[in-house]
Amino acid sequence: MNIITHFPFKEFRKHQKEVLEHMGNALETKNVILLNAPVGSGKSPLAVTIARAFRDAYIITTQKSLQDQYAKDFKDIFIMKGKSNYPCSLDPSNGCDRGLCRTDKKLPCFIQKKSECPYYVELKKAMSAEIVLHNFSSFLYQAKYLPKYTQKRKVVIIDEAHNIEKILMNFVSFKISARAIEYIIPKKETIEEYIQVLRNI
């Protein structure tokens, strides 16, 4: 698979061309590729090269700051962030995560009385974009709670993949404080009393 022609810059850094050639060859027979390369070696242009070659890709990164760096360097990538990054069209002092439609159930969230919700406008644009860059938090939220806006893509590129386990665990887990436990299960004197409380719960 010739992916070299999709490289976003005129010149290669050391080893970038060779790595891309290996990746292109691997993509002929493999579904998963893992690249372990040092900081500063230019992994982002490699990710963009593969995304451009397939023209139907998600790039998922761990931090919004990395999204901003991609946006600065690669103008053809559509950046999709979480609700808090888009101002509510009815109350611009709040993001869409805390907009009026979240607190006033009479207001529909998708199409507001004044204008469309900026978050959903961007989601619709993302659906038609060839390459969409998400951060993990927004992507997981969207995939879980807004599946109709999450298309299957030919390629998913995960930047900083060594953080996947921690990010997924944070998404599916929650913490119960000692104070909350005392509220739910009041202190008792005997095991039998605790058993009764648990039965009631």
N, C-alpha and C. Protein backbone atom coordinates (compact mmCIF):
# COMPACT_ATOMS: atom_id res chain seq x y z
N MET A 1 0.85 -1.19 0.00
CA MET A 1 0.00 0.00 0.00
C MET A 1 0.89 1.24 0.00
N ASN A 2 0.72 2.10 -0.98
CA ASN A 2 1.57 3.28 -1.10
C ASN A 2 0.93 4.45 -0.34
N ILE A 3 1.40 4.67 0.88
CA ILE A 3 0.85 5.77 1.67
C ILE A 3 1.77 6.98 1.70
N ILE A 4 2.97 6.85 1.16
CA ILE A 4 3.97 7.92 1.21
C ILE A 4 3.44 9.21 0.57
N THR A 5 2.65 9.07 -0.49
CA THR A 5 2.17 10.26 -1.22
C THR A 5 1.23 11.12 -0.38
N HIS A 6 0.74 10.57 0.71
CA HIS A 6 -0.19 11.32 1.56
C HIS A 6 0.51 12.02 2.73
N PHE A 7 1.84 11.96 2.75
CA PHE A 7 2.59 12.62 3.83
C PHE A 7 2.33 14.13 3.77
N PRO A 8 2.05 14.76 4.92
CA PRO A 8 1.59 16.16 4.89
C PRO A 8 2.67 17.22 4.70
N PHE A 9 3.95 16.85 4.77
CA PHE A 9 5.02 17.84 4.65
C PHE A 9 5.91 17.55 3.45
N LYS A 10 6.67 18.55 3.05
CA LYS A 10 7.55 18.39 1.88
C LYS A 10 8.75 17.50 2.19
N GLU A 11 9.23 17.57 3.42
CA GLU A 11 10.42 16.80 3.79
C GLU A 11 10.13 15.88 4.97
N PHE A 12 10.86 14.77 5.01
CA PHE A 12 10.72 13.80 6.09
C PHE A 12 11.77 14.06 7.16
N ARG A 13 11.41 13.80 8.39
CA ARG A 13 12.40 13.72 9.45
C ARG A 13 13.10 12.37 9.33
N LYS A 14 14.17 12.24 10.09
CA LYS A 14 14.94 10.99 10.05
C LYS A 14 14.03 9.81 10.38
N HIS A 15 14.06 8.80 9.55
CA HIS A 15 13.36 7.52 9.71
C HIS A 15 11.86 7.57 9.41
N GLN A 16 11.27 8.75 9.20
CA GLN A 16 9.83 8.80 8.96
C GLN A 16 9.43 8.04 7.69
N LYS A 17 10.19 8.23 6.62
CA LYS A 17 9.84 7.57 5.36
C LYS A 17 9.93 6.06 5.49
N GLU A 18 10.99 5.58 6.13
CA GLU A 18 11.15 4.13 6.31
C GLU A 18 10.02 3.55 7.16
N VAL A 19 9.65 4.28 8.21
CA VAL A 19 8.56 3.81 9.08
C VAL A 19 7.26 3.74 8.29
N LEU A 20 6.98 4.77 7.49
CA LEU A 20 5.76 4.76 6.68
C LEU A 20 5.74 3.61 5.67
N GLU A 21 6.90 3.32 5.10
CA GLU A 21 6.98 2.19 4.16
C GLU A 21 6.66 0.89 4.86
N HIS A 22 7.21 0.71 6.07
CA HIS A 22 6.92 -0.50 6.85
C HIS A 22 5.44 -0.58 7.21
N MET A 23 4.88 0.57 7.59
CA MET A 23 3.46 0.59 7.97
C MET A 23 2.58 0.28 6.76
N GLY A 24 2.91 0.86 5.62
CA GLY A 24 2.15 0.59 4.40
C GLY A 24 2.18 -0.89 4.04
N ASN A 25 3.36 -1.51 4.15
CA ASN A 25 3.48 -2.95 3.87
C ASN A 25 2.67 -3.76 4.88
N ALA A 26 2.73 -3.37 6.15
CA ALA A 26 2.00 -4.10 7.18
C ALA A 26 0.49 -4.02 6.96
N LEU A 27 0.02 -2.87 6.48
CA LEU A 27 -1.41 -2.68 6.26
C LEU A 27 -1.97 -3.56 5.15
N GLU A 28 -1.08 -4.13 4.35
CA GLU A 28 -1.54 -5.05 3.30
C GLU A 28 -2.13 -6.32 3.91
N THR A 29 -1.62 -6.73 5.08
CA THR A 29 -2.05 -8.00 5.67
C THR A 29 -2.53 -7.89 7.12
N LYS A 30 -2.26 -6.77 7.76
CA LYS A 30 -2.58 -6.64 9.19
C LYS A 30 -3.73 -5.66 9.42
N ASN A 31 -4.49 -5.90 10.49
CA ASN A 31 -5.55 -4.98 10.89
C ASN A 31 -5.12 -4.03 11.99
N VAL A 32 -4.08 -4.39 12.72
CA VAL A 32 -3.62 -3.58 13.85
C VAL A 32 -2.13 -3.35 13.71
N ILE A 33 -1.72 -2.09 13.89
CA ILE A 33 -0.30 -1.73 13.88
C ILE A 33 -0.01 -0.97 15.16
N LEU A 34 1.09 -1.29 15.80
CA LEU A 34 1.52 -0.58 17.00
C LEU A 34 2.86 0.08 16.71
N LEU A 35 2.91 1.40 16.86
CA LEU A 35 4.14 2.14 16.65
C LEU A 35 4.63 2.69 17.97
N ASN A 36 5.83 2.32 18.35
CA ASN A 36 6.46 2.83 19.56
C ASN A 36 7.66 3.67 19.12
N ALA A 37 7.54 4.98 19.27
CA ALA A 37 8.60 5.87 18.80
C ALA A 37 8.81 6.99 19.82
N PRO A 38 10.02 7.51 19.90
CA PRO A 38 10.32 8.52 20.93
C PRO A 38 9.63 9.86 20.67
N VAL A 39 9.56 10.65 21.73
CA VAL A 39 9.01 12.01 21.63
C VAL A 39 9.85 12.81 20.62
N GLY A 40 9.17 13.56 19.76
CA GLY A 40 9.87 14.39 18.78
C GLY A 40 10.21 13.68 17.49
N SER A 41 9.84 12.40 17.37
CA SER A 41 10.16 11.66 16.15
C SER A 41 9.17 11.94 15.03
N GLY A 42 8.06 12.61 15.34
CA GLY A 42 7.10 12.97 14.31
C GLY A 42 6.02 11.93 14.09
N LYS A 43 5.41 11.48 15.19
CA LYS A 43 4.35 10.48 15.07
C LYS A 43 3.04 11.08 14.52
N SER A 44 2.78 12.33 14.84
CA SER A 44 1.53 12.95 14.37
C SER A 44 1.44 12.99 12.84
N PRO A 45 2.50 13.41 12.13
CA PRO A 45 2.43 13.37 10.66
C PRO A 45 2.24 11.95 10.12
N LEU A 46 2.77 10.95 10.83
CA LEU A 46 2.57 9.57 10.40
C LEU A 46 1.10 9.18 10.53
N ALA A 47 0.49 9.59 11.65
CA ALA A 47 -0.93 9.32 11.87
C ALA A 47 -1.78 9.99 10.79
N VAL A 48 -1.45 11.24 10.49
CA VAL A 48 -2.21 11.98 9.47
C VAL A 48 -2.02 11.34 8.09
N THR A 49 -0.83 10.85 7.81
CA THR A 49 -0.58 10.18 6.53
C THR A 49 -1.50 8.99 6.34
N ILE A 50 -1.62 8.16 7.36
CA ILE A 50 -2.48 6.98 7.27
C ILE A 50 -3.95 7.40 7.16
N ALA A 51 -4.34 8.38 7.95
CA ALA A 51 -5.73 8.87 7.90
C ALA A 51 -6.06 9.41 6.52
N ARG A 52 -5.14 10.15 5.92
CA ARG A 52 -5.38 10.69 4.58
C ARG A 52 -5.44 9.59 3.53
N ALA A 53 -4.62 8.56 3.71
CA ALA A 53 -4.59 7.47 2.73
C ALA A 53 -5.93 6.73 2.70
N PHE A 54 -6.56 6.57 3.86
CA PHE A 54 -7.84 5.86 3.92
C PHE A 54 -9.03 6.79 3.72
N ARG A 55 -8.86 8.09 4.00
CA ARG A 55 -9.90 9.11 3.80
C ARG A 55 -11.20 8.80 4.55
N ASP A 56 -11.06 8.05 5.64
CA ASP A 56 -12.23 7.72 6.47
C ASP A 56 -11.69 7.27 7.82
N ALA A 57 -11.32 8.24 8.66
CA ALA A 57 -10.57 7.90 9.86
C ALA A 57 -10.96 8.73 11.07
N TYR A 58 -10.81 8.08 12.22
CA TYR A 58 -10.80 8.79 13.50
C TYR A 58 -9.36 8.82 13.99
N ILE A 59 -8.94 9.97 14.48
CA ILE A 59 -7.70 10.04 15.26
C ILE A 59 -8.15 10.40 16.67
N ILE A 60 -7.73 9.62 17.64
CA ILE A 60 -8.15 9.85 19.02
C ILE A 60 -6.90 10.12 19.86
N THR A 61 -6.94 11.23 20.56
CA THR A 61 -5.80 11.59 21.39
C THR A 61 -6.24 11.80 22.83
N THR A 62 -5.28 11.89 23.72
CA THR A 62 -5.62 11.91 25.14
C THR A 62 -5.89 13.31 25.68
N GLN A 63 -5.38 14.33 25.01
CA GLN A 63 -5.45 15.68 25.57
C GLN A 63 -5.99 16.69 24.56
N LYS A 64 -6.71 17.67 25.08
CA LYS A 64 -7.19 18.74 24.21
C LYS A 64 -6.02 19.56 23.65
N SER A 65 -4.94 19.66 24.41
CA SER A 65 -3.78 20.41 23.92
C SER A 65 -3.18 19.74 22.68
N LEU A 66 -3.22 18.41 22.63
CA LEU A 66 -2.75 17.71 21.44
C LEU A 66 -3.70 17.93 20.26
N GLN A 67 -5.00 18.02 20.56
CA GLN A 67 -5.96 18.36 19.50
C GLN A 67 -5.63 19.72 18.91
N ASP A 68 -5.33 20.67 19.78
CA ASP A 68 -5.01 22.02 19.32
C ASP A 68 -3.75 22.02 18.47
N GLN A 69 -2.79 21.17 18.83
CA GLN A 69 -1.56 21.09 18.03
C GLN A 69 -1.85 20.50 16.65
N TYR A 70 -2.66 19.45 16.60
CA TYR A 70 -3.07 18.88 15.31
C TYR A 70 -3.78 19.95 14.47
N ALA A 71 -4.69 20.68 15.10
CA ALA A 71 -5.47 21.70 14.38
C ALA A 71 -4.55 22.76 13.78
N LYS A 72 -3.51 23.11 14.51
CA LYS A 72 -2.56 24.12 14.05
C LYS A 72 -1.74 23.60 12.86
N ASP A 73 -1.34 22.33 12.91
CA ASP A 73 -0.43 21.78 11.90
C ASP A 73 -1.14 21.20 10.67
N PHE A 74 -2.39 20.74 10.84
CA PHE A 74 -3.07 20.02 9.75
C PHE A 74 -4.48 20.59 9.58
N LYS A 75 -4.65 21.42 8.58
CA LYS A 75 -5.90 22.17 8.40
C LYS A 75 -7.05 21.31 7.87
N ASP A 76 -6.76 20.14 7.32
CA ASP A 76 -7.82 19.33 6.72
C ASP A 76 -8.48 18.37 7.72
N ILE A 77 -8.07 18.43 8.99
CA ILE A 77 -8.64 17.55 10.01
C ILE A 77 -9.75 18.28 10.75
N PHE A 78 -10.87 17.61 10.94
CA PHE A 78 -11.99 18.20 11.67
C PHE A 78 -11.81 17.88 13.16
N ILE A 79 -11.80 18.92 13.97
CA ILE A 79 -11.59 18.77 15.41
C ILE A 79 -12.94 18.70 16.12
N MET A 80 -13.17 17.62 16.86
CA MET A 80 -14.41 17.46 17.62
C MET A 80 -14.07 17.36 19.10
N LYS A 81 -14.63 18.28 19.88
CA LYS A 81 -14.37 18.29 21.32
C LYS A 81 -15.67 18.02 22.08
N GLY A 82 -15.58 18.03 23.40
CA GLY A 82 -16.73 17.77 24.24
C GLY A 82 -17.66 18.96 24.34
N LYS A 83 -18.84 18.73 24.94
CA LYS A 83 -19.88 19.76 25.02
C LYS A 83 -19.42 21.05 25.68
N SER A 84 -18.55 20.95 26.68
CA SER A 84 -18.14 22.14 27.43
C SER A 84 -17.37 23.14 26.57
N ASN A 85 -16.89 22.72 25.41
CA ASN A 85 -16.09 23.58 24.53
C ASN A 85 -16.92 24.41 23.56
N TYR A 86 -18.25 24.23 23.58
CA TYR A 86 -19.12 24.96 22.67
C TYR A 86 -20.11 25.79 23.48
N PRO A 87 -20.22 27.09 23.22
CA PRO A 87 -21.12 27.94 24.02
C PRO A 87 -22.59 27.64 23.71
N CYS A 88 -23.40 27.60 24.75
CA CYS A 88 -24.84 27.40 24.59
C CYS A 88 -25.41 28.56 23.78
N SER A 89 -26.24 28.27 22.77
CA SER A 89 -26.78 29.34 21.94
C SER A 89 -27.81 30.19 22.68
N LEU A 90 -28.40 29.66 23.75
CA LEU A 90 -29.35 30.43 24.53
C LEU A 90 -28.70 31.15 25.70
N ASP A 91 -27.55 30.63 26.15
CA ASP A 91 -26.85 31.22 27.29
C ASP A 91 -25.35 31.09 27.06
N PRO A 92 -24.75 31.99 26.25
CA PRO A 92 -23.34 31.88 25.87
C PRO A 92 -22.35 31.91 27.04
N SER A 93 -22.82 32.29 28.23
CA SER A 93 -21.92 32.27 29.39
C SER A 93 -21.65 30.84 29.86
N ASN A 94 -22.42 29.89 29.38
CA ASN A 94 -22.23 28.48 29.72
C ASN A 94 -21.91 27.67 28.47
N GLY A 95 -21.19 26.57 28.69
CA GLY A 95 -20.98 25.64 27.60
C GLY A 95 -22.23 24.80 27.39
N CYS A 96 -22.25 24.03 26.30
CA CYS A 96 -23.42 23.19 26.01
C CYS A 96 -23.63 22.11 27.07
N ASP A 97 -22.59 21.80 27.83
CA ASP A 97 -22.76 20.81 28.90
C ASP A 97 -23.58 21.36 30.07
N ARG A 98 -23.68 22.70 30.18
CA ARG A 98 -24.45 23.32 31.27
C ARG A 98 -25.44 24.36 30.72
N GLY A 99 -25.83 24.18 29.47
CA GLY A 99 -26.74 25.14 28.84
C GLY A 99 -28.14 25.04 29.39
N LEU A 100 -28.98 25.97 28.95
CA LEU A 100 -30.35 26.05 29.47
C LEU A 100 -31.15 24.78 29.18
N CYS A 101 -30.87 24.12 28.07
CA CYS A 101 -31.62 22.91 27.76
C CYS A 101 -31.30 21.77 28.72
N ARG A 102 -30.20 21.90 29.44
CA ARG A 102 -29.85 20.88 30.44
C ARG A 102 -30.60 21.10 31.75
N THR A 103 -31.01 22.34 31.99
CA THR A 103 -31.67 22.65 33.26
C THR A 103 -33.17 22.89 33.09
N ASP A 104 -33.58 23.27 31.88
CA ASP A 104 -35.01 23.51 31.62
C ASP A 104 -35.51 22.42 30.67
N LYS A 105 -36.23 21.46 31.20
CA LYS A 105 -36.65 20.30 30.41
C LYS A 105 -37.66 20.66 29.32
N LYS A 106 -38.21 21.87 29.35
CA LYS A 106 -39.16 22.28 28.32
C LYS A 106 -38.44 22.64 27.01
N LEU A 107 -37.15 22.90 27.11
CA LEU A 107 -36.39 23.30 25.92
C LEU A 107 -35.80 22.06 25.24
N PRO A 108 -36.02 21.89 23.93
CA PRO A 108 -35.38 20.77 23.24
C PRO A 108 -33.89 21.05 23.07
N CYS A 109 -33.08 20.00 23.14
CA CYS A 109 -31.64 20.21 23.09
C CYS A 109 -31.12 20.33 21.66
N PHE A 110 -31.72 19.63 20.70
CA PHE A 110 -31.14 19.59 19.36
C PHE A 110 -31.36 20.89 18.59
N ILE A 111 -32.58 21.39 18.58
CA ILE A 111 -32.86 22.64 17.86
C ILE A 111 -33.49 23.61 18.85
N GLN A 112 -32.76 24.68 19.13
CA GLN A 112 -33.22 25.65 20.11
C GLN A 112 -34.17 26.65 19.45
N LYS A 113 -34.84 27.45 20.27
CA LYS A 113 -35.76 28.44 19.73
C LYS A 113 -35.02 29.52 18.94
N LYS A 114 -33.80 29.83 19.38
CA LYS A 114 -33.04 30.88 18.68
C LYS A 114 -32.22 30.30 17.53
N SER A 115 -31.56 29.21 17.77
CA SER A 115 -30.70 28.62 16.74
C SER A 115 -30.37 27.19 17.13
N GLU A 116 -29.70 26.49 16.24
CA GLU A 116 -29.30 25.13 16.55
C GLU A 116 -28.21 25.11 17.61
N CYS A 117 -28.19 24.04 18.38
CA CYS A 117 -27.15 23.87 19.40
C CYS A 117 -25.79 23.73 18.72
N PRO A 118 -24.81 24.57 19.09
CA PRO A 118 -23.48 24.51 18.44
C PRO A 118 -22.81 23.14 18.53
N TYR A 119 -23.02 22.44 19.63
CA TYR A 119 -22.41 21.11 19.79
C TYR A 119 -22.94 20.14 18.74
N TYR A 120 -24.27 20.12 18.55
CA TYR A 120 -24.85 19.20 17.58
C TYR A 120 -24.57 19.63 16.14
N VAL A 121 -24.42 20.92 15.92
CA VAL A 121 -24.00 21.40 14.59
C VAL A 121 -22.64 20.81 14.25
N GLU A 122 -21.71 20.84 15.22
CA GLU A 122 -20.37 20.30 14.99
C GLU A 122 -20.40 18.79 14.83
N LEU A 123 -21.25 18.11 15.60
CA LEU A 123 -21.38 16.66 15.45
C LEU A 123 -21.81 16.29 14.03
N LYS A 124 -22.75 17.05 13.49
CA LYS A 124 -23.23 16.77 12.13
C LYS A 124 -22.12 17.00 11.11
N LYS A 125 -21.32 18.06 11.32
CA LYS A 125 -20.19 18.31 10.42
C LYS A 125 -19.18 17.16 10.51
N ALA A 126 -18.95 16.68 11.72
CA ALA A 126 -17.98 15.60 11.92
C ALA A 126 -18.38 14.34 11.16
N MET A 127 -19.68 14.11 11.05
CA MET A 127 -20.15 12.91 10.36
C MET A 127 -19.77 12.91 8.89
N SER A 128 -19.67 14.09 8.29
CA SER A 128 -19.34 14.16 6.87
C SER A 128 -17.86 14.42 6.61
N ALA A 129 -17.10 14.64 7.66
CA ALA A 129 -15.66 14.90 7.49
C ALA A 129 -14.90 13.59 7.26
N GLU A 130 -13.85 13.66 6.43
CA GLU A 130 -13.06 12.46 6.15
C GLU A 130 -12.22 12.05 7.35
N ILE A 131 -11.63 13.03 8.03
CA ILE A 131 -10.78 12.75 9.19
C ILE A 131 -11.29 13.56 10.36
N VAL A 132 -11.62 12.87 11.45
CA VAL A 132 -12.13 13.55 12.65
C VAL A 132 -11.18 13.25 13.81
N LEU A 133 -10.77 14.31 14.47
CA LEU A 133 -9.88 14.18 15.63
C LEU A 133 -10.67 14.41 16.90
N HIS A 134 -10.71 13.39 17.75
CA HIS A 134 -11.39 13.45 19.05
C HIS A 134 -10.36 13.40 20.16
N ASN A 135 -10.75 13.89 21.35
CA ASN A 135 -10.02 13.48 22.55
C ASN A 135 -10.81 12.30 23.11
N PHE A 136 -10.14 11.49 23.94
CA PHE A 136 -10.76 10.26 24.42
C PHE A 136 -12.07 10.50 25.14
N SER A 137 -12.11 11.52 26.00
CA SER A 137 -13.30 11.76 26.80
C SER A 137 -14.51 12.03 25.92
N SER A 138 -14.35 12.93 24.94
CA SER A 138 -15.49 13.27 24.09
C SER A 138 -15.88 12.09 23.21
N PHE A 139 -14.90 11.33 22.74
CA PHE A 139 -15.20 10.19 21.89
C PHE A 139 -15.97 9.11 22.64
N LEU A 140 -15.54 8.81 23.86
CA LEU A 140 -16.22 7.78 24.64
C LEU A 140 -17.64 8.22 24.99
N TYR A 141 -17.79 9.50 25.35
CA TYR A 141 -19.12 10.02 25.66
C TYR A 141 -20.03 9.90 24.43
N GLN A 142 -19.51 10.33 23.30
CA GLN A 142 -20.30 10.32 22.07
C GLN A 142 -20.66 8.89 21.68
N ALA A 143 -19.70 7.96 21.76
CA ALA A 143 -19.97 6.57 21.38
C ALA A 143 -20.99 5.92 22.31
N LYS A 144 -20.94 6.28 23.58
CA LYS A 144 -21.85 5.67 24.57
C LYS A 144 -23.24 6.28 24.53
N TYR A 145 -23.32 7.62 24.50
CA TYR A 145 -24.61 8.29 24.67
C TYR A 145 -25.21 8.86 23.39
N LEU A 146 -24.39 9.00 22.34
CA LEU A 146 -24.89 9.56 21.07
C LEU A 146 -24.45 8.67 19.91
N PRO A 147 -24.80 7.38 19.95
CA PRO A 147 -24.27 6.45 18.95
C PRO A 147 -24.65 6.78 17.52
N LYS A 148 -25.78 7.47 17.31
CA LYS A 148 -26.15 7.78 15.93
C LYS A 148 -25.20 8.79 15.29
N TYR A 149 -24.40 9.48 16.11
CA TYR A 149 -23.39 10.41 15.59
C TYR A 149 -22.00 9.78 15.52
N THR A 150 -21.90 8.50 15.86
CA THR A 150 -20.61 7.82 15.86
C THR A 150 -20.60 6.78 14.75
N GLN A 151 -19.99 7.12 13.64
CA GLN A 151 -19.95 6.21 12.50
C GLN A 151 -18.80 5.23 12.63
N LYS A 152 -18.97 4.09 12.00
CA LYS A 152 -17.82 3.19 11.86
C LYS A 152 -16.91 3.77 10.80
N ARG A 153 -15.62 3.71 11.07
CA ARG A 153 -14.64 4.24 10.12
C ARG A 153 -13.69 3.11 9.69
N LYS A 154 -13.04 3.32 8.56
CA LYS A 154 -12.08 2.33 8.08
C LYS A 154 -10.88 2.22 9.01
N VAL A 155 -10.52 3.37 9.60
CA VAL A 155 -9.30 3.41 10.42
C VAL A 155 -9.56 4.19 11.71
N VAL A 156 -9.04 3.66 12.79
CA VAL A 156 -9.00 4.38 14.06
C VAL A 156 -7.55 4.44 14.49
N ILE A 157 -7.05 5.66 14.65
CA ILE A 157 -5.65 5.87 15.06
C ILE A 157 -5.67 6.42 16.48
N ILE A 158 -4.99 5.74 17.38
CA ILE A 158 -4.98 6.15 18.78
C ILE A 158 -3.60 6.70 19.13
N ASP A 159 -3.57 7.99 19.42
CA ASP A 159 -2.35 8.67 19.83
C ASP A 159 -2.17 8.47 21.33
N GLU A 160 -0.95 8.25 21.78
CA GLU A 160 -0.68 8.02 23.21
C GLU A 160 -1.46 6.79 23.71
N ALA A 161 -1.36 5.70 22.97
CA ALA A 161 -2.17 4.51 23.26
C ALA A 161 -1.83 3.87 24.61
N HIS A 162 -0.67 4.17 25.17
CA HIS A 162 -0.31 3.57 26.46
C HIS A 162 -1.23 4.05 27.60
N ASN A 163 -2.03 5.10 27.33
CA ASN A 163 -2.95 5.61 28.35
C ASN A 163 -4.35 5.02 28.26
N ILE A 164 -4.59 4.12 27.31
CA ILE A 164 -5.95 3.61 27.07
C ILE A 164 -6.56 3.00 28.33
N GLU A 165 -5.83 2.14 29.01
CA GLU A 165 -6.41 1.43 30.16
C GLU A 165 -6.88 2.41 31.23
N LYS A 166 -6.05 3.38 31.55
CA LYS A 166 -6.41 4.36 32.58
C LYS A 166 -7.64 5.17 32.16
N ILE A 167 -7.68 5.59 30.90
CA ILE A 167 -8.79 6.41 30.42
C ILE A 167 -10.09 5.62 30.43
N LEU A 168 -10.05 4.37 29.97
CA LEU A 168 -11.25 3.54 29.97
C LEU A 168 -11.74 3.26 31.39
N MET A 169 -10.81 3.00 32.30
CA MET A 169 -11.21 2.75 33.69
C MET A 169 -11.84 3.99 34.31
N ASN A 170 -11.31 5.16 34.00
CA ASN A 170 -11.90 6.40 34.52
C ASN A 170 -13.31 6.62 33.97
N PHE A 171 -13.53 6.18 32.74
CA PHE A 171 -14.84 6.37 32.11
C PHE A 171 -15.91 5.47 32.72
N VAL A 172 -15.54 4.25 33.09
CA VAL A 172 -16.55 3.29 33.56
C VAL A 172 -16.58 3.13 35.07
N SER A 173 -15.71 3.81 35.79
CA SER A 173 -15.67 3.63 37.24
C SER A 173 -16.17 4.88 37.95
N PHE A 174 -16.47 4.73 39.22
CA PHE A 174 -16.84 5.87 40.06
C PHE A 174 -16.38 5.59 41.48
N LYS A 175 -16.25 6.62 42.26
CA LYS A 175 -15.76 6.49 43.63
C LYS A 175 -16.88 6.79 44.62
N ILE A 176 -16.91 6.02 45.68
CA ILE A 176 -17.84 6.27 46.77
C ILE A 176 -17.02 6.67 47.99
N SER A 177 -17.27 7.85 48.49
CA SER A 177 -16.50 8.33 49.64
C SER A 177 -16.96 7.65 50.92
N ALA A 178 -16.12 7.71 51.94
CA ALA A 178 -16.47 7.15 53.25
C ALA A 178 -17.72 7.83 53.79
N ARG A 179 -17.83 9.11 53.58
CA ARG A 179 -19.01 9.85 54.05
C ARG A 179 -20.28 9.35 53.36
N ALA A 180 -20.18 9.07 52.07
CA ALA A 180 -21.35 8.56 51.35
C ALA A 180 -21.75 7.18 51.86
N ILE A 181 -20.75 6.35 52.17
CA ILE A 181 -21.06 5.01 52.70
C ILE A 181 -21.78 5.14 54.04
N GLU A 182 -21.32 6.06 54.89
CA GLU A 182 -21.97 6.26 56.19
C GLU A 182 -23.41 6.76 56.02
N TYR A 183 -23.63 7.52 54.96
CA TYR A 183 -24.99 8.01 54.70
C TYR A 183 -25.88 6.85 54.24
N ILE A 184 -25.34 6.01 53.36
CA ILE A 184 -26.12 4.90 52.83
C ILE A 184 -26.27 3.79 53.87
N ILE A 185 -25.17 3.47 54.54
CA ILE A 185 -25.18 2.41 55.55
C ILE A 185 -24.82 3.02 56.90
N PRO A 186 -25.81 3.38 57.69
CA PRO A 186 -25.53 4.00 58.98
C PRO A 186 -24.82 3.02 59.92
N LYS A 187 -24.08 3.57 60.87
CA LYS A 187 -23.34 2.73 61.81
C LYS A 187 -24.31 1.96 62.69
N LYS A 188 -24.01 0.67 62.84
CA LYS A 188 -24.82 -0.22 63.68
C LYS A 188 -23.92 -0.93 64.68
N GLU A 189 -24.54 -1.57 65.65
CA GLU A 189 -23.79 -2.24 66.71
C GLU A 189 -23.50 -3.70 66.38
N THR A 190 -24.39 -4.36 65.67
CA THR A 190 -24.23 -5.80 65.45
C THR A 190 -24.27 -6.13 63.97
N ILE A 191 -23.76 -7.32 63.66
CA ILE A 191 -23.78 -7.83 62.29
C ILE A 191 -25.23 -7.98 61.81
N GLU A 192 -26.07 -8.47 62.70
CA GLU A 192 -27.47 -8.68 62.33
C GLU A 192 -28.13 -7.38 61.88
N GLU A 193 -27.80 -6.28 62.57
CA GLU A 193 -28.37 -4.98 62.20
C GLU A 193 -27.87 -4.55 60.81
N TYR A 194 -26.57 -4.77 60.53
CA TYR A 194 -26.03 -4.45 59.21
C TYR A 194 -26.71 -5.29 58.13
N ILE A 195 -26.94 -6.58 58.42
CA ILE A 195 -27.60 -7.45 57.45
C ILE A 195 -28.98 -6.93 57.12
N GLN A 196 -29.70 -6.46 58.15
CA GLN A 196 -31.04 -5.93 57.91
C GLN A 196 -31.00 -4.67 57.05
N VAL A 197 -30.03 -3.79 57.32
CA VAL A 197 -29.88 -2.57 56.50
C VAL A 197 -29.62 -2.94 55.05
N LEU A 198 -28.73 -3.89 54.84
CA LEU A 198 -28.40 -4.32 53.46
C LEU A 198 -29.60 -4.94 52.78
N ARG A 199 -30.38 -5.71 53.52
CA ARG A 199 -31.60 -6.29 52.95
C ARG A 199 -32.55 -5.19 52.52
N ASN A 200 -32.68 -4.17 53.35
CA ASN A 200 -33.56 -3.05 53.01
C ASN A 200 -33.10 -2.34 51.74
N ILE A 201 -31.77 -2.17 51.62
CA ILE A 201 -31.22 -1.51 50.43
C ILE A 201 -31.50 -2.34 49.18
